Amino acid sequence: MRPLIACLLLLIACQAGAAQRVVSLAPSLTEIVIELDAADLLVGVLDGGPRPEKVVGLPSVGRYGQLDIERLLSLQPDLLLLWPGSVSAAQRDQLKRLNIPTYTAEPHTLIELADQIEQMGERLGRADRGQQAAKDFRQRLAGLRERYRRDVPLTVFYQVWDQPLYTVGGGQIISDALTVCGARNVFEDLTLPAPQVSIESVLQRDPDVILASDAALLPGWKTWSQLKAVKAGRLFAVPDKGLERASGQMGDAVAKVCGVIAPER
């Protein structure tokens, strides 16, 4: 009876439009698939750093900006999960011409991320799991917003790199994550995802907090003793690299960031 039941379940999934052979073209999307208990549907992934244990043995279809389309086609996917930044514009055009069903995800806010988790659950035949995960994520955010709310937000300079000096723009999901912590990206008016800025512009905007992607970037700021962040000793490294990966684990990452930049709450 078990083989018969498995076949019936597969037939139902196909009739409902759920994907059966999925290729993920971003590590963050791979994480969401795993969070939705749908790793069994993955037949290939785009690499970008260490893989989660559940997908260690899966075929690779390349790395960021270097998609192997021939390898992808050999896997016969019936759904591509695409984050546009992981694939070059030319290869995105190629993918469109292949007419493979594609779910494109590029959340700019945490609420958009919650919606994306729910939508992916539907596409992967895990609608109930997606709805519950999205609900839990939204509730977690609401609790953090309430706990860390401020009448006057802390201003934060988020440093991505130092030479040259890069930050995140206002349309980046990290910028939205700061608002959950009662803070505001001091460069929220910039529209580029990762704009290059100058030391002079940081001095002019004089943030309350400097949050760097790596602790090694922080000592150099102590030279600028006139900065409010330096005077107050509010130079922090991001406590969880998950802040840079738009998946469900971002809830925990944001909570850690809030605890670092506003420990008094």
Protein backbone atom coordinates (compact mmCIF):
# COMPACT_ATOMS: atom_id res chain seq x y z
CA MET A 1 0.00 0.00 0.00
CA ARG A 2 2.81 2.44 0.74
CA PRO A 3 4.03 2.76 -2.88
CA LEU A 4 0.43 3.33 -3.97
CA ILE A 5 -0.05 6.05 -1.35
CA ALA A 6 3.21 7.73 -2.41
CA CYS A 7 2.11 7.74 -6.05
CA LEU A 8 -1.26 9.21 -5.13
CA LEU A 9 0.38 11.95 -3.09
CA LEU A 10 2.71 12.75 -5.99
CA LEU A 11 -0.24 12.92 -8.37
CA ILE A 12 -2.14 15.25 -6.05
CA ALA A 13 0.89 17.53 -5.71
CA CYS A 14 1.33 17.72 -9.48
CA GLN A 15 -2.34 18.46 -10.02
CA ALA A 16 -2.16 21.24 -7.43
CA GLY A 17 0.70 22.81 -9.37
CA ALA A 18 3.36 22.12 -6.75
CA ALA A 19 6.92 21.86 -8.07
CA GLN A 20 8.71 18.51 -7.98
CA ARG A 21 12.21 19.42 -9.26
CA VAL A 22 13.45 22.71 -7.88
CA VAL A 23 16.71 24.56 -8.50
CA SER A 24 17.54 27.35 -6.06
CA LEU A 25 19.60 30.23 -7.44
CA ALA A 26 20.49 31.86 -4.12
CA PRO A 27 21.66 30.52 -0.74
CA SER A 28 18.96 32.53 1.05
CA LEU A 29 16.27 30.86 -1.05
CA THR A 30 17.83 27.46 -0.38
CA GLU A 31 17.52 28.22 3.33
CA ILE A 32 13.83 29.05 2.95
CA VAL A 33 13.20 25.77 1.12
CA ILE A 34 14.84 23.93 4.04
CA GLU A 35 12.82 25.95 6.57
CA LEU A 36 9.66 24.89 4.73
CA ASP A 37 10.66 21.21 5.06
CA ALA A 38 10.91 20.96 1.28
CA ALA A 39 14.62 20.16 0.82
CA ASP A 40 13.58 16.87 -0.79
CA LEU A 41 12.36 18.85 -3.81
CA LEU A 42 15.74 20.44 -4.53
CA VAL A 43 17.75 18.95 -7.38
CA GLY A 44 20.41 21.69 -7.63
CA VAL A 45 21.64 24.88 -5.97
CA LEU A 46 23.73 27.94 -6.77
CA ASP A 47 26.65 28.13 -4.35
CA GLY A 48 27.66 31.14 -2.28
CA GLY A 49 29.53 30.04 0.80
CA PRO A 50 29.18 26.98 3.06
CA ARG A 51 26.11 24.86 2.36
CA PRO A 52 23.53 23.78 4.94
CA GLU A 53 23.90 20.12 5.84
CA LYS A 54 20.70 19.06 4.08
CA VAL A 55 21.96 20.14 0.65
CA VAL A 56 25.65 19.25 0.91
CA GLY A 57 25.44 16.52 -1.71
CA LEU A 58 23.27 18.30 -4.29
CA PRO A 59 24.61 19.21 -7.75
CA SER A 60 25.94 22.74 -8.15
CA VAL A 61 24.75 25.01 -10.96
CA GLY A 62 27.54 27.52 -10.41
CA ARG A 63 28.31 30.41 -8.11
CA TYR A 64 27.17 34.03 -7.76
CA GLY A 65 27.27 35.66 -11.18
CA GLN A 66 28.54 32.46 -12.82
CA LEU A 67 25.50 30.32 -13.58
CA ASP A 68 26.14 27.11 -15.53
CA ILE A 69 22.98 27.03 -17.65
CA GLU A 70 23.85 23.75 -19.37
CA ARG A 71 24.22 22.07 -15.99
CA LEU A 72 20.94 23.63 -14.85
CA LEU A 73 19.09 22.29 -17.92
CA SER A 74 20.49 18.80 -17.36
CA LEU A 75 18.67 18.72 -14.01
CA GLN A 76 15.29 19.23 -15.76
CA PRO A 77 13.84 21.65 -13.17
CA ASP A 78 10.15 22.48 -13.14
CA LEU A 79 10.73 25.52 -10.91
CA LEU A 80 13.58 28.02 -10.52
CA LEU A 81 13.92 30.11 -7.39
CA LEU A 82 15.66 33.32 -8.42
CA TRP A 83 17.14 36.22 -6.51
CA PRO A 84 18.07 38.66 -9.34
CA GLY A 85 21.33 39.76 -7.74
CA SER A 86 22.78 36.26 -7.91
CA VAL A 87 22.64 35.98 -11.71
CA SER A 88 23.94 38.42 -14.33
CA ALA A 89 21.44 40.41 -16.40
CA ALA A 90 22.46 38.57 -19.57
CA GLN A 91 21.87 35.17 -17.98
CA ARG A 92 18.55 36.30 -16.51
CA ASP A 93 17.48 37.07 -20.07
CA GLN A 94 18.60 33.59 -21.11
CA LEU A 95 16.55 32.04 -18.33
CA LYS A 96 13.45 33.93 -19.45
CA ARG A 97 13.79 32.51 -22.95
CA LEU A 98 13.91 28.97 -21.55
CA ASN A 99 10.35 29.36 -20.25
CA ILE A 100 11.04 27.41 -17.07
CA PRO A 101 8.55 28.43 -14.34
CA THR A 102 10.38 30.90 -12.09
CA TYR A 103 9.66 32.41 -8.71
CA THR A 104 11.58 35.68 -8.35
CA ALA A 105 12.27 36.93 -4.84
CA GLU A 106 13.81 40.30 -3.99
CA PRO A 107 12.37 41.46 -0.65
CA HIS A 108 13.20 45.00 0.40
CA THR A 109 11.44 44.79 3.76
CA LEU A 110 10.95 42.12 6.38
CA ILE A 111 7.20 42.08 5.75
CA GLU A 112 7.90 41.39 2.07
CA LEU A 113 10.15 38.54 3.22
CA ALA A 114 7.29 37.08 5.28
CA ASP A 115 5.02 37.28 2.22
CA GLN A 116 7.71 35.58 0.15
CA ILE A 117 7.99 32.69 2.62
CA GLU A 118 4.23 32.18 2.39
CA GLN A 119 4.23 32.32 -1.41
CA MET A 120 7.11 29.87 -1.67
CA GLY A 121 5.22 27.48 0.57
CA GLU A 122 2.38 27.49 -1.94
CA ARG A 123 4.70 26.92 -4.91
CA LEU A 124 6.43 24.03 -3.15
CA GLY A 125 3.29 22.25 -1.99
CA ARG A 126 3.92 23.30 1.62
CA ALA A 127 1.18 25.91 1.95
CA ASP A 128 0.33 25.16 5.58
CA ARG A 129 3.97 25.19 6.60
CA GLY A 130 4.55 28.45 4.72
CA GLN A 131 1.56 30.16 6.29
CA GLN A 132 2.61 29.14 9.79
CA ALA A 133 6.24 30.16 9.25
CA ALA A 134 5.17 33.55 7.87
CA LYS A 135 2.76 34.08 10.76
CA ASP A 136 5.45 33.25 13.33
CA PHE A 137 7.90 35.58 11.56
CA ARG A 138 5.44 38.50 11.53
CA GLN A 139 4.61 37.99 15.20
CA ARG A 140 8.31 37.93 16.08
CA LEU A 141 8.84 41.22 14.26
CA ALA A 142 5.84 42.84 15.94
CA GLY A 143 7.19 41.87 19.36
CA LEU A 144 10.63 43.28 18.58
CA ARG A 145 9.16 46.54 17.23
CA GLU A 146 7.17 46.99 20.43
CA ARG A 147 10.08 46.20 22.70
CA TYR A 148 12.60 48.48 20.94
CA ARG A 149 10.30 51.32 19.87
CA ARG A 150 11.69 54.84 20.37
CA ASP A 151 10.11 58.23 19.93
CA VAL A 152 13.40 59.40 18.44
CA PRO A 153 15.17 56.56 16.56
CA LEU A 154 18.87 55.91 16.99
CA THR A 155 20.79 56.79 13.82
CA VAL A 156 23.01 53.95 12.59
CA PHE A 157 25.81 53.80 10.06
CA TYR A 158 25.99 50.23 8.73
CA GLN A 159 29.48 49.57 7.36
CA VAL A 160 29.81 46.83 4.77
CA TRP A 161 33.48 47.42 3.85
CA ASP A 162 36.21 49.99 4.44
CA GLN A 163 38.36 50.36 1.29
CA PRO A 164 36.38 51.73 -0.38
CA LEU A 165 33.79 52.59 2.24
CA TYR A 166 30.45 50.89 1.51
CA THR A 167 27.14 50.98 3.34
CA VAL A 168 23.54 49.88 2.61
CA GLY A 169 20.87 52.07 1.04
CA GLY A 170 17.37 52.75 2.24
CA GLY A 171 15.78 50.14 -0.04
CA GLN A 172 17.90 47.32 1.40
CA ILE A 173 16.28 44.82 3.78
CA ILE A 174 19.02 45.48 6.37
CA SER A 175 17.90 49.09 6.47
CA ASP A 176 14.36 47.94 7.25
CA ALA A 177 15.70 45.57 9.92
CA LEU A 178 17.22 48.54 11.75
CA THR A 179 13.78 50.14 12.07
CA VAL A 180 12.59 47.07 13.99
CA CYS A 181 15.27 47.92 16.58
CA GLY A 182 14.10 51.50 17.00
CA ALA A 183 16.85 52.75 14.73
CA ARG A 184 17.26 54.49 11.37
CA ASN A 185 19.86 53.98 8.66
CA VAL A 186 21.74 57.27 8.50
CA PHE A 187 22.01 56.77 4.71
CA GLU A 188 18.39 55.74 4.17
CA ASP A 189 18.02 58.44 1.50
CA LEU A 190 20.41 56.61 -0.85
CA THR A 191 18.66 54.35 -3.35
CA LEU A 192 21.52 52.01 -4.37
CA PRO A 193 21.57 48.68 -2.49
CA ALA A 194 25.26 49.11 -1.53
CA PRO A 195 26.37 52.72 -2.14
CA GLN A 196 29.93 53.92 -1.72
CA VAL A 197 30.21 56.82 0.72
CA SER A 198 33.00 59.01 2.08
CA ILE A 199 34.39 59.44 5.58
CA GLU A 200 33.36 63.09 5.32
CA SER A 201 29.72 62.16 4.70
CA VAL A 202 29.71 59.86 7.75
CA LEU A 203 31.22 62.65 9.87
CA GLN A 204 28.58 65.05 8.58
CA ARG A 205 25.69 62.72 9.41
CA ASP A 206 27.27 61.87 12.80
CA PRO A 207 25.49 58.58 13.65
CA ASP A 208 24.64 57.47 17.18
CA VAL A 209 25.84 53.94 16.38
CA ILE A 210 28.33 52.39 13.95
CA LEU A 211 27.49 48.79 13.09
CA ALA A 212 30.11 46.95 11.01
CA SER A 213 29.83 43.68 9.15
CA ASP A 214 33.17 42.62 10.67
CA ALA A 215 34.81 43.58 13.98
CA ALA A 216 38.10 44.24 12.14
CA LEU A 217 36.49 47.30 10.54
CA LEU A 218 35.80 49.07 13.83
CA PRO A 219 39.19 50.20 15.28
CA GLY A 220 39.74 52.74 12.49
CA TRP A 221 36.76 54.79 13.64
CA LYS A 222 38.41 55.62 16.98
CA THR A 223 40.53 58.15 15.09
CA TRP A 224 37.39 60.25 14.63
CA SER A 225 36.77 61.08 18.28
CA GLN A 226 34.23 63.80 17.39
CA LEU A 227 31.68 61.21 16.26
CA LYS A 228 28.79 60.59 18.65
CA ALA A 229 29.14 56.84 18.18
CA VAL A 230 32.81 56.96 19.20
CA LYS A 231 32.17 59.22 22.20
CA ALA A 232 29.43 56.87 23.45
CA GLY A 233 31.42 53.72 22.73
CA ARG A 234 28.72 52.49 20.37
CA LEU A 235 30.92 50.71 17.84
CA PHE A 236 29.51 47.23 17.29
CA ALA A 237 30.09 44.28 14.99
CA VAL A 238 27.07 42.52 13.53
CA PRO A 239 26.45 39.65 15.98
CA ASP A 240 24.84 37.34 13.42
CA LYS A 241 25.80 37.08 9.74
CA GLY A 242 22.24 35.90 9.10
CA LEU A 243 21.29 39.56 8.92
CA GLU A 244 22.65 39.50 5.37
CA ARG A 245 20.59 36.47 4.25
CA ALA A 246 16.91 37.06 3.55
CA SER A 247 15.35 33.90 4.97
CA GLY A 248 13.34 32.93 8.03
CA GLN A 249 16.40 32.85 10.28
CA MET A 250 16.54 36.64 9.90
CA GLY A 251 14.12 36.90 12.82
CA ASP A 252 16.79 35.62 15.22
CA ALA A 253 19.48 37.72 13.52
CA VAL A 254 17.46 40.92 13.88
CA ALA A 255 16.76 40.15 17.56
CA LYS A 256 20.51 39.84 18.19
CA VAL A 257 21.20 43.14 16.41
CA CYS A 258 18.54 44.89 18.50
CA GLY A 259 20.12 43.54 21.66
CA VAL A 260 23.52 44.86 20.63
CA ILE A 261 22.60 48.41 19.56
CA ALA A 262 20.00 48.96 22.29
CA PRO A 263 20.97 46.71 25.25
CA GLU A 264 19.08 48.93 27.71
CA ARG A 265 15.81 47.70 26.20
